[in-house]
Amino acid sequence: MATSTRRPAYASFVAAGVAATAENSHRLSQLLVMQPLDVVKTRMHLQGDGIKTGDNFQGTLAAMRGIQRAEGLPGLWRGFVPGLCVVIPRRGFKFVFYDAFISILWKGEKQKAPFQHSLVAGGLAGASEACIITPLECLKIGMQSEKAAGSAATGMATFAMAMVRTGGVASLYAGLGATVAKHTAHSCFYFAAFHETKKFAPKGSSRFQQICWDLLSGFIAGCAAATANNPFDVVKTRQQVVAASALSSHAAGQEFATGPTSIGAVALGLIRQDGLSGLYKGYVAKVARLGPGSALIFCVYEQVMSLLS
């Protein structure tokens, strides 16, 4: 919502935190739909021609059914704890960083910033955020890619200790370059697509119309971000699962540890094996999760920011 009133410095972090909490409440109420999509996305990133530990699921629904049959319903919730631990501060940092960078690049109202300014500010915000959240991302990928049922599944603390014991603290930053690239691409289009779509909202619209535009703009932003970052996300997953090879029982980690690990080598390997579509493994699951989630978080964020003005 456009306004010339100067907002307090903490407004972005508070609004983003409230928005992330609302998004999480939405996800908690729909665990069978939302959290499993993240697990499915990770598993599909790790399958393909020549991968012995891959599941080779033929689609999102097939993957959900296959994981549930093999590992029980809890298998679809793997990695939820590290994801939950980071989501609220991550959203807070993303929006705080964006507001900081856009204020440097553009001196007018944030909502009227040119597309290229939003693109650059979003990219810088994503890169900054990635440097903070990579360790938890590593743990999440390790847990989501472990094929174990019930009590046989490894806990987050055990994963972390095994990784640090074997590879040092640096192991928690596996795939940092790809994570930075992923979040840079994500935030570039996340914020730019949202603000560009909002510019089509009619002036003088009612609060209900504003909410509808926020929801639509947020959904488009989530889909645009998912499309832009998916190739880096697949590479990141394949790099970070290598850190899980610290556990001898982690089959996927052991297999990927024997292959190429640099961003370029992993990307080229994907293209050689599966064509360009290899860079879009898990895309449907990603969009199904990010589209609705982004609609909600942007809508709540905008409404809370208007209250703090």
C-alpha atoms as a PDB file:
ATOM      1  CA  MET A   1       0.000   0.000   0.000  1.00  0.00           C
ATOM      2  CA  ALA A   2       1.584   3.297  -1.029  1.00  0.00           C
ATOM      3  CA  THR A   3       2.227   5.829   1.690  1.00  0.00           C
ATOM      4  CA  SER A   4       4.528   8.808   2.230  1.00  0.00           C
ATOM      5  CA  THR A   5       4.652   8.273   5.991  1.00  0.00           C
ATOM      6  CA  ARG A   6       8.043   7.132   7.250  1.00  0.00           C
ATOM      7  CA  ARG A   7       7.744   3.675   8.784  1.00  0.00           C
ATOM      8  CA  PRO A   8       9.735   2.659  11.876  1.00  0.00           C
ATOM      9  CA  ALA A   9      12.956   0.762  11.174  1.00  0.00           C
ATOM     10  CA  TYR A  10      11.642  -2.448  12.705  1.00  0.00           C
ATOM     11  CA  ALA A  11       8.438  -2.456  10.637  1.00  0.00           C
ATOM     12  CA  SER A  12       9.709  -4.717   7.840  1.00  0.00           C
ATOM     13  CA  PHE A  13      11.052  -7.370  10.197  1.00  0.00           C
ATOM     14  CA  VAL A  14       7.898  -7.378  12.347  1.00  0.00           C
ATOM     15  CA  ALA A  15       5.595  -7.476   9.318  1.00  0.00           C
ATOM     16  CA  ALA A  16       7.613 -10.249   7.670  1.00  0.00           C
ATOM     17  CA  GLY A  17       7.701 -12.230  10.911  1.00  0.00           C
ATOM     18  CA  VAL A  18       3.928 -11.956  11.314  1.00  0.00           C
ATOM     19  CA  ALA A  19       3.465 -12.897   7.661  1.00  0.00           C
ATOM     20  CA  ALA A  20       5.752 -15.910   8.008  1.00  0.00           C
ATOM     21  CA  THR A  21       3.893 -17.002  11.142  1.00  0.00           C
ATOM     22  CA  ALA A  22       0.607 -16.779   9.249  1.00  0.00           C
ATOM     23  CA  GLU A  23       2.109 -18.746   6.362  1.00  0.00           C
ATOM     24  CA  ASN A  24       3.367 -21.386   8.781  1.00  0.00           C
ATOM     25  CA  SER A  25      -0.049 -21.604  10.432  1.00  0.00           C
ATOM     26  CA  HIS A  26      -1.442 -22.211   6.967  1.00  0.00           C
ATOM     27  CA  ARG A  27       1.198 -24.868   6.348  1.00  0.00           C
ATOM     28  CA  LEU A  28       0.631 -26.487   9.742  1.00  0.00           C
ATOM     29  CA  SER A  29      -3.062 -26.739   8.982  1.00  0.00           C
ATOM     30  CA  GLN A  30      -2.280 -28.403   5.642  1.00  0.00           C
ATOM     31  CA  LEU A  31       0.741 -30.560   6.529  1.00  0.00           C
ATOM     32  CA  LEU A  32      -0.404 -33.412   4.322  1.00  0.00           C
ATOM     33  CA  VAL A  33      -0.283 -31.096   1.315  1.00  0.00           C
ATOM     34  CA  MET A  34       2.408 -28.477   1.925  1.00  0.00           C
ATOM     35  CA  GLN A  35       5.297 -30.115   3.808  1.00  0.00           C
ATOM     36  CA  PRO A  36       5.249 -33.296   1.703  1.00  0.00           C
ATOM     37  CA  LEU A  37       5.693 -31.152  -1.408  1.00  0.00           C
ATOM     38  CA  ASP A  38       9.059 -29.958  -0.107  1.00  0.00           C
ATOM     39  CA  VAL A  39      10.161 -33.534   0.588  1.00  0.00           C
ATOM     40  CA  VAL A  40       8.944 -34.635  -2.852  1.00  0.00           C
ATOM     41  CA  LYS A  41      10.829 -31.774  -4.492  1.00  0.00           C
ATOM     42  CA  THR A  42      14.075 -32.850  -2.791  1.00  0.00           C
ATOM     43  CA  ARG A  43      13.627 -36.523  -3.718  1.00  0.00           C
ATOM     44  CA  MET A  44      12.898 -35.632  -7.338  1.00  0.00           C
ATOM     45  CA  HIS A  45      16.015 -33.456  -7.464  1.00  0.00           C
ATOM     46  CA  LEU A  46      18.000 -36.578  -6.589  1.00  0.00           C
ATOM     47  CA  GLN A  47      16.658 -38.911  -9.246  1.00  0.00           C
ATOM     48  CA  GLY A  48      17.490 -39.398 -12.908  1.00  0.00           C
ATOM     49  CA  ASP A  49      19.342 -41.581 -15.380  1.00  0.00           C
ATOM     50  CA  GLY A  50      22.272 -43.427 -13.854  1.00  0.00           C
ATOM     51  CA  ILE A  51      21.402 -42.615 -10.217  1.00  0.00           C
ATOM     52  CA  LYS A  52      21.194 -45.890  -8.327  1.00  0.00           C
ATOM     53  CA  THR A  53      19.640 -44.436  -5.176  1.00  0.00           C
ATOM     54  CA  GLY A  54      17.032 -42.412  -7.091  1.00  0.00           C
ATOM     55  CA  ASP A  55      13.361 -43.277  -6.722  1.00  0.00           C
ATOM     56  CA  ASN A  56      12.491 -42.365 -10.325  1.00  0.00           C
ATOM     57  CA  PHE A  57       9.016 -41.204  -9.387  1.00  0.00           C
ATOM     58  CA  GLN A  58       6.946 -40.248 -12.413  1.00  0.00           C
ATOM     59  CA  GLY A  59       5.244 -37.256 -10.849  1.00  0.00           C
ATOM     60  CA  THR A  60       4.429 -35.377  -7.666  1.00  0.00           C
ATOM     61  CA  LEU A  61       1.466 -37.526  -6.609  1.00  0.00           C
ATOM     62  CA  ALA A  62       3.320 -40.739  -7.425  1.00  0.00           C
ATOM     63  CA  ALA A  63       6.212 -39.526  -5.281  1.00  0.00           C
ATOM     64  CA  MET A  64       3.937 -38.766  -2.329  1.00  0.00           C
ATOM     65  CA  ARG A  65       2.358 -42.208  -2.553  1.00  0.00           C
ATOM     66  CA  GLY A  66       5.719 -43.942  -2.944  1.00  0.00           C
ATOM     67  CA  ILE A  67       7.338 -42.212   0.041  1.00  0.00           C
ATOM     68  CA  GLN A  68       4.297 -42.853   2.216  1.00  0.00           C
ATOM     69  CA  ARG A  69       4.253 -46.547   1.348  1.00  0.00           C
ATOM     70  CA  ALA A  70       7.979 -47.031   1.942  1.00  0.00           C
ATOM     71  CA  GLU A  71       8.521 -44.806   4.983  1.00  0.00           C
ATOM     72  CA  GLY A  72       5.117 -44.173   6.456  1.00  0.00           C
ATOM     73  CA  LEU A  73       3.389 -40.808   6.783  1.00  0.00           C
ATOM     74  CA  PRO A  74       6.249 -39.311   8.882  1.00  0.00           C
ATOM     75  CA  GLY A  75       8.502 -39.793   5.860  1.00  0.00           C
ATOM     76  CA  LEU A  76       6.627 -36.973   4.154  1.00  0.00           C
ATOM     77  CA  TRP A  77       7.471 -34.662   7.056  1.00  0.00           C
ATOM     78  CA  ARG A  78      11.237 -35.265   7.047  1.00  0.00           C
ATOM     79  CA  GLY A  79      13.312 -32.120   7.541  1.00  0.00           C
ATOM     80  CA  PHE A  80      10.373 -30.175   8.922  1.00  0.00           C
ATOM     81  CA  VAL A  81      12.208 -29.154  12.121  1.00  0.00           C
ATOM     82  CA  PRO A  82      15.160 -27.339  10.481  1.00  0.00           C
ATOM     83  CA  GLY A  83      12.750 -25.806   7.962  1.00  0.00           C
ATOM     84  CA  LEU A  84      10.524 -24.544  10.761  1.00  0.00           C
ATOM     85  CA  CYS A  85      13.511 -23.248  12.742  1.00  0.00           C
ATOM     86  CA  VAL A  86      14.562 -20.953   9.920  1.00  0.00           C
ATOM     87  CA  VAL A  87      11.370 -19.855   8.183  1.00  0.00           C
ATOM     88  CA  ILE A  88      10.370 -16.882  10.383  1.00  0.00           C
ATOM     89  CA  PRO A  89      13.820 -15.238  10.715  1.00  0.00           C
ATOM     90  CA  ARG A  90      14.472 -16.055   7.044  1.00  0.00           C
ATOM     91  CA  ARG A  91      11.365 -14.202   5.917  1.00  0.00           C
ATOM     92  CA  GLY A  92      12.236 -11.365   8.274  1.00  0.00           C
ATOM     93  CA  PHE A  93      15.760 -11.020   6.913  1.00  0.00           C
ATOM     94  CA  LYS A  94      14.546 -11.264   3.300  1.00  0.00           C
ATOM     95  CA  PHE A  95      12.182  -8.310   3.669  1.00  0.00           C
ATOM     96  CA  VAL A  96      14.538  -6.266   5.885  1.00  0.00           C
ATOM     97  CA  PHE A  97      17.374  -6.699   3.399  1.00  0.00           C
ATOM     98  CA  TYR A  98      15.091  -5.823   0.498  1.00  0.00           C
ATOM     99  CA  ASP A  99      13.868  -2.641   2.188  1.00  0.00           C
ATOM    100  CA  ALA A 100      17.463  -1.664   2.998  1.00  0.00           C
ATOM    101  CA  PHE A 101      18.725  -2.194  -0.549  1.00  0.00           C
ATOM    102  CA  ILE A 102      15.733  -0.625  -2.300  1.00  0.00           C
ATOM    103  CA  SER A 103      16.087   2.479  -0.106  1.00  0.00           C
ATOM    104  CA  ILE A 104      19.694   2.799  -1.313  1.00  0.00           C
ATOM    105  CA  LEU A 105      18.832   2.265  -4.976  1.00  0.00           C
ATOM    106  CA  TRP A 106      15.550   4.235  -5.088  1.00  0.00           C
ATOM    107  CA  LYS A 107      14.689   7.341  -3.084  1.00  0.00           C
ATOM    108  CA  GLY A 108      10.995   7.435  -3.881  1.00  0.00           C
ATOM    109  CA  GLU A 109       8.152   5.265  -2.629  1.00  0.00           C
ATOM    110  CA  LYS A 110       9.081   1.579  -2.610  1.00  0.00           C
ATOM    111  CA  GLN A 111       5.899   0.607  -4.439  1.00  0.00           C
ATOM    112  CA  LYS A 112       6.830   2.895  -7.358  1.00  0.00           C
ATOM    113  CA  ALA A 113      10.411   1.684  -7.762  1.00  0.00           C
ATOM    114  CA  PRO A 114      11.325   0.791 -11.376  1.00  0.00           C
ATOM    115  CA  PHE A 115      11.453  -2.896 -12.267  1.00  0.00           C
ATOM    116  CA  GLN A 116      15.249  -2.975 -12.540  1.00  0.00           C
ATOM    117  CA  HIS A 117      15.658  -1.441  -9.069  1.00  0.00           C
ATOM    118  CA  SER A 118      13.344  -4.042  -7.517  1.00  0.00           C
ATOM    119  CA  LEU A 119      15.215  -6.765  -9.404  1.00  0.00           C
ATOM    120  CA  VAL A 120      18.638  -5.706  -8.099  1.00  0.00           C
ATOM    121  CA  ALA A 121      17.461  -5.022  -4.539  1.00  0.00           C
ATOM    122  CA  GLY A 122      15.712  -8.381  -4.446  1.00  0.00           C
ATOM    123  CA  GLY A 123      18.795 -10.184  -5.724  1.00  0.00           C
ATOM    124  CA  LEU A 124      21.034  -8.575  -3.094  1.00  0.00           C
ATOM    125  CA  ALA A 125      18.488  -9.405  -0.388  1.00  0.00           C
ATOM    126  CA  GLY A 126      18.383 -13.044  -1.483  1.00  0.00           C
ATOM    127  CA  ALA A 127      22.175 -13.357  -1.526  1.00  0.00           C
ATOM    128  CA  SER A 128      22.423 -11.888   1.976  1.00  0.00           C
ATOM    129  CA  GLU A 129      19.701 -14.177   3.293  1.00  0.00           C
ATOM    130  CA  ALA A 130      21.360 -17.260   1.774  1.00  0.00           C
ATOM    131  CA  CYS A 131      24.564 -16.709   3.738  1.00  0.00           C
ATOM    132  CA  ILE A 132      22.560 -16.934   6.972  1.00  0.00           C
ATOM    133  CA  ILE A 133      20.338 -19.934   6.272  1.00  0.00           C
ATOM    134  CA  THR A 134      22.685 -22.338   4.432  1.00  0.00           C
ATOM    135  CA  PRO A 135      23.535 -24.526   7.483  1.00  0.00           C
ATOM    136  CA  LEU A 136      19.868 -25.257   8.170  1.00  0.00           C
ATOM    137  CA  GLU A 137      19.273 -25.856   4.465  1.00  0.00           C
ATOM    138  CA  CYS A 138      22.065 -28.463   4.524  1.00  0.00           C
ATOM    139  CA  LEU A 139      20.481 -30.237   7.475  1.00  0.00           C
ATOM    140  CA  LYS A 140      17.036 -30.133   5.874  1.00  0.00           C
ATOM    141  CA  ILE A 141      18.286 -31.642   2.607  1.00  0.00           C
ATOM    142  CA  GLY A 142      20.175 -34.358   4.478  1.00  0.00           C
ATOM    143  CA  MET A 143      17.083 -35.315   6.473  1.00  0.00           C
ATOM    144  CA  GLN A 144      14.658 -35.148   3.550  1.00  0.00           C
ATOM    145  CA  SER A 145      16.851 -37.335   1.356  1.00  0.00           C
ATOM    146  CA  GLU A 146      17.349 -40.067   3.958  1.00  0.00           C
ATOM    147  CA  LYS A 147      15.198 -43.077   3.171  1.00  0.00           C
ATOM    148  CA  ALA A 148      14.332 -44.384   6.608  1.00  0.00           C
ATOM    149  CA  ALA A 149      11.119 -45.235   8.381  1.00  0.00           C
ATOM    150  CA  GLY A 150      10.018 -44.521  11.929  1.00  0.00           C
ATOM    151  CA  SER A 151      12.671 -44.634  14.647  1.00  0.00           C
ATOM    152  CA  ALA A 152      15.367 -45.523  12.090  1.00  0.00           C
ATOM    153  CA  ALA A 153      15.292 -41.931  10.779  1.00  0.00           C
ATOM    154  CA  THR A 154      18.202 -39.756  11.933  1.00  0.00           C
ATOM    155  CA  GLY A 155      17.445 -36.667  14.027  1.00  0.00           C
ATOM    156  CA  MET A 156      18.634 -33.145  13.267  1.00  0.00           C
ATOM    157  CA  ALA A 157      21.201 -32.998  16.092  1.00  0.00           C
ATOM    158  CA  THR A 158      22.719 -36.349  15.066  1.00  0.00           C
ATOM    159  CA  PHE A 159      22.978 -35.159  11.470  1.00  0.00           C
ATOM    160  CA  ALA A 160      24.663 -31.917  12.497  1.00  0.00           C
ATOM    161  CA  MET A 161      27.188 -33.591  14.796  1.00  0.00           C
ATOM    162  CA  ALA A 162      28.094 -36.231  12.205  1.00  0.00           C
ATOM    163  CA  MET A 163      28.605 -33.601   9.510  1.00  0.00           C
ATOM    164  CA  VAL A 164      30.770 -31.366  11.698  1.00  0.00           C
ATOM    165  CA  ARG A 165      32.755 -34.309  13.078  1.00  0.00           C
ATOM    166  CA  THR A 166      33.590 -35.532   9.576  1.00  0.00           C
ATOM    167  CA  GLY A 167      33.885 -32.358   7.516  1.00  0.00           C
ATOM    168  CA  GLY A 168      34.156 -29.582  10.089  1.00  0.00           C
ATOM    169  CA  VAL A 169      31.915 -26.527  10.277  1.00  0.00           C
ATOM    170  CA  ALA A 170      32.527 -25.993   6.537  1.00  0.00           C
ATOM    171  CA  SER A 171      30.347 -29.038   5.838  1.00  0.00           C
ATOM    172  CA  LEU A 172      27.339 -27.034   7.042  1.00  0.00           C
ATOM    173  CA  TYR A 173      28.024 -24.597   4.218  1.00  0.00           C
ATOM    174  CA  ALA A 174      28.034 -27.162   1.414  1.00  0.00           C
ATOM    175  CA  GLY A 175      26.426 -25.726  -1.685  1.00  0.00           C
ATOM    176  CA  LEU A 176      26.769 -22.135  -0.451  1.00  0.00           C
ATOM    177  CA  GLY A 177      27.424 -20.808  -3.960  1.00  0.00           C
ATOM    178  CA  ALA A 178      24.364 -22.536  -5.401  1.00  0.00           C
ATOM    179  CA  THR A 179      22.297 -21.437  -2.392  1.00  0.00           C
ATOM    180  CA  VAL A 180      23.321 -17.819  -2.949  1.00  0.00           C
ATOM    181  CA  ALA A 181      22.508 -18.146  -6.662  1.00  0.00           C
ATOM    182  CA  LYS A 182      19.152 -19.772  -5.881  1.00  0.00           C
ATOM    183  CA  HIS A 183      18.086 -17.120  -3.385  1.00  0.00           C
ATOM    184  CA  THR A 184      19.401 -14.299  -5.554  1.00  0.00           C
ATOM    185  CA  ALA A 185      17.343 -15.516  -8.522  1.00  0.00           C
ATOM    186  CA  HIS A 186      14.374 -16.178  -6.243  1.00  0.00           C
ATOM    187  CA  SER A 187      14.346 -12.738  -4.631  1.00  0.00           C
ATOM    188  CA  CYS A 188      15.049 -10.898  -7.887  1.00  0.00           C
ATOM    189  CA  PHE A 189      11.783 -12.103  -9.376  1.00  0.00           C
ATOM    190  CA  TYR A 190       9.938 -12.507  -6.054  1.00  0.00           C
ATOM    191  CA  PHE A 191       9.895  -8.791  -5.259  1.00  0.00           C
ATOM    192  CA  ALA A 192      10.017  -7.440  -8.802  1.00  0.00           C
ATOM    193  CA  ALA A 193       7.071  -9.572  -9.971  1.00  0.00           C
ATOM    194  CA  PHE A 194       5.040  -8.619  -6.881  1.00  0.00           C
ATOM    195  CA  HIS A 195       5.552  -4.870  -7.246  1.00  0.00           C
ATOM    196  CA  GLU A 196       5.093  -4.918 -11.020  1.00  0.00           C
ATOM    197  CA  THR A 197       1.788  -6.774 -10.686  1.00  0.00           C
ATOM    198  CA  LYS A 198       0.637  -4.411  -7.934  1.00  0.00           C
ATOM    199  CA  LYS A 199       1.102  -1.477 -10.317  1.00  0.00           C
ATOM    200  CA  PHE A 200      -1.940  -2.738 -12.264  1.00  0.00           C
ATOM    201  CA  ALA A 201      -4.178  -2.386  -9.196  1.00  0.00           C
ATOM    202  CA  PRO A 202      -6.813   0.333  -9.707  1.00  0.00           C
ATOM    203  CA  LYS A 203      -6.315   3.509  -7.683  1.00  0.00           C
ATOM    204  CA  GLY A 204      -8.700   4.169  -4.818  1.00  0.00           C
ATOM    205  CA  SER A 205      -9.552   0.502  -4.420  1.00  0.00           C
ATOM    206  CA  SER A 206     -11.247  -0.761  -1.278  1.00  0.00           C
ATOM    207  CA  ARG A 207      -9.440  -2.740   1.434  1.00  0.00           C
ATOM    208  CA  PHE A 208     -10.985  -5.954   0.073  1.00  0.00           C
ATOM    209  CA  GLN A 209      -9.757  -5.158  -3.443  1.00  0.00           C
ATOM    210  CA  GLN A 210      -6.290  -4.381  -2.074  1.00  0.00           C
ATOM    211  CA  ILE A 211      -6.199  -7.754  -0.320  1.00  0.00           C
ATOM    212  CA  CYS A 212      -7.249  -9.520  -3.536  1.00  0.00           C
ATOM    213  CA  TRP A 213      -4.504  -7.731  -5.487  1.00  0.00           C
ATOM    214  CA  ASP A 214      -1.957  -8.607  -2.793  1.00  0.00           C
ATOM    215  CA  LEU A 215      -2.980 -12.269  -3.003  1.00  0.00           C
ATOM    216  CA  LEU A 216      -2.824 -12.318  -6.810  1.00  0.00           C
ATOM    217  CA  SER A 217       0.467 -10.426  -6.916  1.00  0.00           C
ATOM    218  CA  GLY A 218       1.967 -12.703  -4.258  1.00  0.00           C
ATOM    219  CA  PHE A 219       0.900 -15.826  -6.143  1.00  0.00           C
ATOM    220  CA  ILE A 220       2.453 -14.544  -9.376  1.00  0.00           C
ATOM    221  CA  ALA A 221       5.605 -13.598  -7.455  1.00  0.00           C
ATOM    222  CA  GLY A 222       5.890 -17.108  -6.006  1.00  0.00           C
ATOM    223  CA  CYS A 223       5.474 -18.758  -9.413  1.00  0.00           C
ATOM    224  CA  ALA A 224       7.981 -16.385 -11.043  1.00  0.00           C
ATOM    225  CA  ALA A 225      10.524 -16.995  -8.278  1.00  0.00           C
ATOM    226  CA  ALA A 226      10.083 -20.777  -8.510  1.00  0.00           C
ATOM    227  CA  THR A 227      10.661 -20.683 -12.253  1.00  0.00           C
ATOM    228  CA  ALA A 228      13.792 -18.573 -11.933  1.00  0.00           C
ATOM    229  CA  ASN A 229      15.452 -20.457  -9.091  1.00  0.00           C
ATOM    230  CA  ASN A 230      14.597 -24.091  -9.834  1.00  0.00           C
ATOM    231  CA  PRO A 231      17.822 -24.882 -11.774  1.00  0.00           C
ATOM    232  CA  PHE A 232      19.956 -23.585  -8.892  1.00  0.00           C
ATOM    233  CA  ASP A 233      17.749 -25.429  -6.406  1.00  0.00           C
ATOM    234  CA  VAL A 234      18.370 -28.774  -8.115  1.00  0.00           C
ATOM    235  CA  VAL A 235      22.135 -28.141  -8.167  1.00  0.00           C
ATOM    236  CA  LYS A 236      22.066 -27.005  -4.522  1.00  0.00           C
ATOM    237  CA  THR A 237      20.253 -30.157  -3.437  1.00  0.00           C
ATOM    238  CA  ARG A 238      22.793 -32.379  -5.175  1.00  0.00           C
ATOM    239  CA  GLN A 239      25.680 -30.492  -3.627  1.00  0.00           C
ATOM    240  CA  GLN A 240      24.248 -30.409  -0.115  1.00  0.00           C
ATOM    241  CA  VAL A 241      23.289 -34.079  -0.004  1.00  0.00           C
ATOM    242  CA  VAL A 242      27.016 -34.827  -0.236  1.00  0.00           C
ATOM    243  CA  ALA A 243      27.411 -33.417   3.284  1.00  0.00           C
ATOM    244  CA  ALA A 244      25.055 -36.167   4.490  1.00  0.00           C
ATOM    245  CA  SER A 245      27.608 -38.769   3.369  1.00  0.00           C
ATOM    246  CA  ALA A 246      29.077 -38.311   6.853  1.00  0.00           C
ATOM    247  CA  LEU A 247      26.432 -40.848   7.873  1.00  0.00           C
ATOM    248  CA  SER A 248      27.389 -44.244   6.499  1.00  0.00           C
ATOM    249  CA  SER A 249      23.719 -45.217   6.334  1.00  0.00           C
ATOM    250  CA  HIS A 250      22.814 -42.322   4.020  1.00  0.00           C
ATOM    251  CA  ALA A 251      22.744 -44.000   0.605  1.00  0.00           C
ATOM    252  CA  ALA A 252      22.069 -40.894  -1.491  1.00  0.00           C
ATOM    253  CA  GLY A 253      24.809 -38.936   0.242  1.00  0.00           C
ATOM    254  CA  GLN A 254      27.289 -41.754  -0.350  1.00  0.00           C
ATOM    255  CA  GLU A 255      26.430 -41.995  -4.041  1.00  0.00           C
ATOM    256  CA  PHE A 256      26.560 -38.270  -4.809  1.00  0.00           C
ATOM    257  CA  ALA A 257      29.844 -37.908  -2.899  1.00  0.00           C
ATOM    258  CA  THR A 258      31.527 -39.960  -5.639  1.00  0.00           C
ATOM    259  CA  GLY A 259      30.379 -37.642  -8.428  1.00  0.00           C
ATOM    260  CA  PRO A 260      31.116 -34.035  -9.461  1.00  0.00           C
ATOM    261  CA  THR A 261      30.349 -31.396  -6.839  1.00  0.00           C
ATOM    262  CA  SER A 262      31.030 -27.986  -8.428  1.00  0.00           C
ATOM    263  CA  ILE A 263      28.075 -25.905  -9.636  1.00  0.00           C
ATOM    264  CA  GLY A 264      29.114 -26.062 -13.286  1.00  0.00           C
ATOM    265  CA  ALA A 265      29.901 -29.780 -13.263  1.00  0.00           C
ATOM    266  CA  VAL A 266      26.631 -30.688 -11.541  1.00  0.00           C
ATOM    267  CA  ALA A 267      24.595 -28.535 -13.932  1.00  0.00           C
ATOM    268  CA  LEU A 268      26.326 -29.952 -17.016  1.00  0.00           C
ATOM    269  CA  GLY A 269      25.858 -33.485 -15.711  1.00  0.00           C
ATOM    270  CA  LEU A 270      22.132 -32.862 -15.301  1.00  0.00           C
ATOM    271  CA  ILE A 271      21.824 -31.505 -18.841  1.00  0.00           C
ATOM    272  CA  ARG A 272      23.800 -34.404 -20.333  1.00  0.00           C
ATOM    273  CA  GLN A 273      21.693 -36.996 -18.518  1.00  0.00           C
ATOM    274  CA  ASP A 274      18.216 -35.494 -18.747  1.00  0.00           C
ATOM    275  CA  GLY A 275      18.429 -32.499 -21.069  1.00  0.00           C
ATOM    276  CA  LEU A 276      17.365 -29.010 -19.962  1.00  0.00           C
ATOM    277  CA  SER A 277      14.354 -30.568 -18.231  1.00  0.00           C
ATOM    278  CA  GLY A 278      16.822 -31.981 -15.703  1.00  0.00           C
ATOM    279  CA  LEU A 279      17.194 -28.480 -14.298  1.00  0.00           C
ATOM    280  CA  TYR A 280      13.453 -28.405 -13.607  1.00  0.00           C
ATOM    281  CA  LYS A 281      13.106 -31.579 -11.572  1.00  0.00           C
ATOM    282  CA  GLY A 282      10.528 -31.100  -8.826  1.00  0.00           C
ATOM    283  CA  TYR A 283       9.141 -27.963 -10.476  1.00  0.00           C
ATOM    284  CA  VAL A 284       5.453 -28.844 -10.052  1.00  0.00           C
ATOM    285  CA  ALA A 285       5.908 -29.557  -6.347  1.00  0.00           C
ATOM    286  CA  LYS A 286       7.816 -26.282  -5.929  1.00  0.00           C
ATOM    287  CA  VAL A 287       5.168 -24.138  -7.633  1.00  0.00           C
ATOM    288  CA  ALA A 288       2.356 -25.881  -5.742  1.00  0.00           C
ATOM    289  CA  ARG A 289       4.098 -24.923  -2.501  1.00  0.00           C
ATOM    290  CA  LEU A 290       5.463 -21.458  -3.317  1.00  0.00           C
ATOM    291  CA  GLY A 291       2.497 -20.004  -5.200  1.00  0.00           C
ATOM    292  CA  PRO A 292      -0.111 -20.172  -2.409  1.00  0.00           C
ATOM    293  CA  GLY A 293       2.479 -19.557   0.320  1.00  0.00           C
ATOM    294  CA  SER A 294       3.765 -16.396  -1.376  1.00  0.00           C
ATOM    295  CA  ALA A 295       0.227 -15.134  -1.915  1.00  0.00           C
ATOM    296  CA  LEU A 296      -0.442 -15.397   1.809  1.00  0.00           C
ATOM    297  CA  ILE A 297       2.866 -13.993   3.037  1.00  0.00           C
ATOM    298  CA  PHE A 298       2.799 -10.930   0.763  1.00  0.00           C
ATOM    299  CA  CYS A 299      -0.817 -10.217   1.592  1.00  0.00           C
ATOM    300  CA  VAL A 300      -0.231 -10.370   5.358  1.00  0.00           C
ATOM    301  CA  TYR A 301       3.030  -8.414   5.033  1.00  0.00           C
ATOM    302  CA  GLU A 302       1.367  -5.561   3.132  1.00  0.00           C
ATOM    303  CA  GLN A 303      -1.531  -5.363   5.560  1.00  0.00           C
ATOM    304  CA  VAL A 304       0.707  -5.363   8.657  1.00  0.00           C
ATOM    305  CA  MET A 305       2.973  -2.728   7.091  1.00  0.00           C
ATOM    306  CA  SER A 306      -0.057  -0.509   6.526  1.00  0.00           C
ATOM    307  CA  LEU A 307      -0.945  -0.811  10.226  1.00  0.00           C
ATOM    308  CA  LEU A 308       2.612   0.109  11.284  1.00  0.00           C
ATOM    309  CA  SER A 309       2.719   3.196   9.062  1.00  0.00           C
END
